[in-house]
Amino acid sequence: QVQLVESGGGLVQPGGSLRLSCAASEVTGGDIDISNVAMGWFRQAAGKEREFVASIQWNGALASYSDFVQGRFTISRDNAKKSVYLQMSSLKFEDTAVYYCAARTARSDSSYDGDYAYWGQGTQVTVSS
């Protein structure tokens, strides 16, 4: 079992930046090493389906992004701290959503939410003037 806790959300003006963090902790006796699995960020806006934002391979060597955040968001991870980050810049009104951190049980990243076994509670990001 893995627990994921997101932080860093908040209110930001259009064009601004935020950095989301996701801290992972493994339940004692669990069978997963969080530093050995892919992680991802998803988001869900009010009244909409959850959608893929970004993902990163277990060793950080490969990352993937959705088209609507490509060039604006950067996903990274620090396995020593068992954390994954999402640096968001040039934020737009349409980036407003609850952002979720998720972990797979495999090393390769994925844009499909069904591939992720563990989810955080989410952190609200609101882009407003």
Foldseek 3Di string as FASTA:
>chain_A
DKAKAKDWADEAAAQAKIKMKIFMDDDVPDDAQLLQWKKFKWWDAPPGDIFGAKIAFSPRPDMDGDPVQVPFWDWGADSVRSMIMIIGGSDDQVVWTWMKMFIARHRDIDRDPVRTDDIYPTDTHGHDD
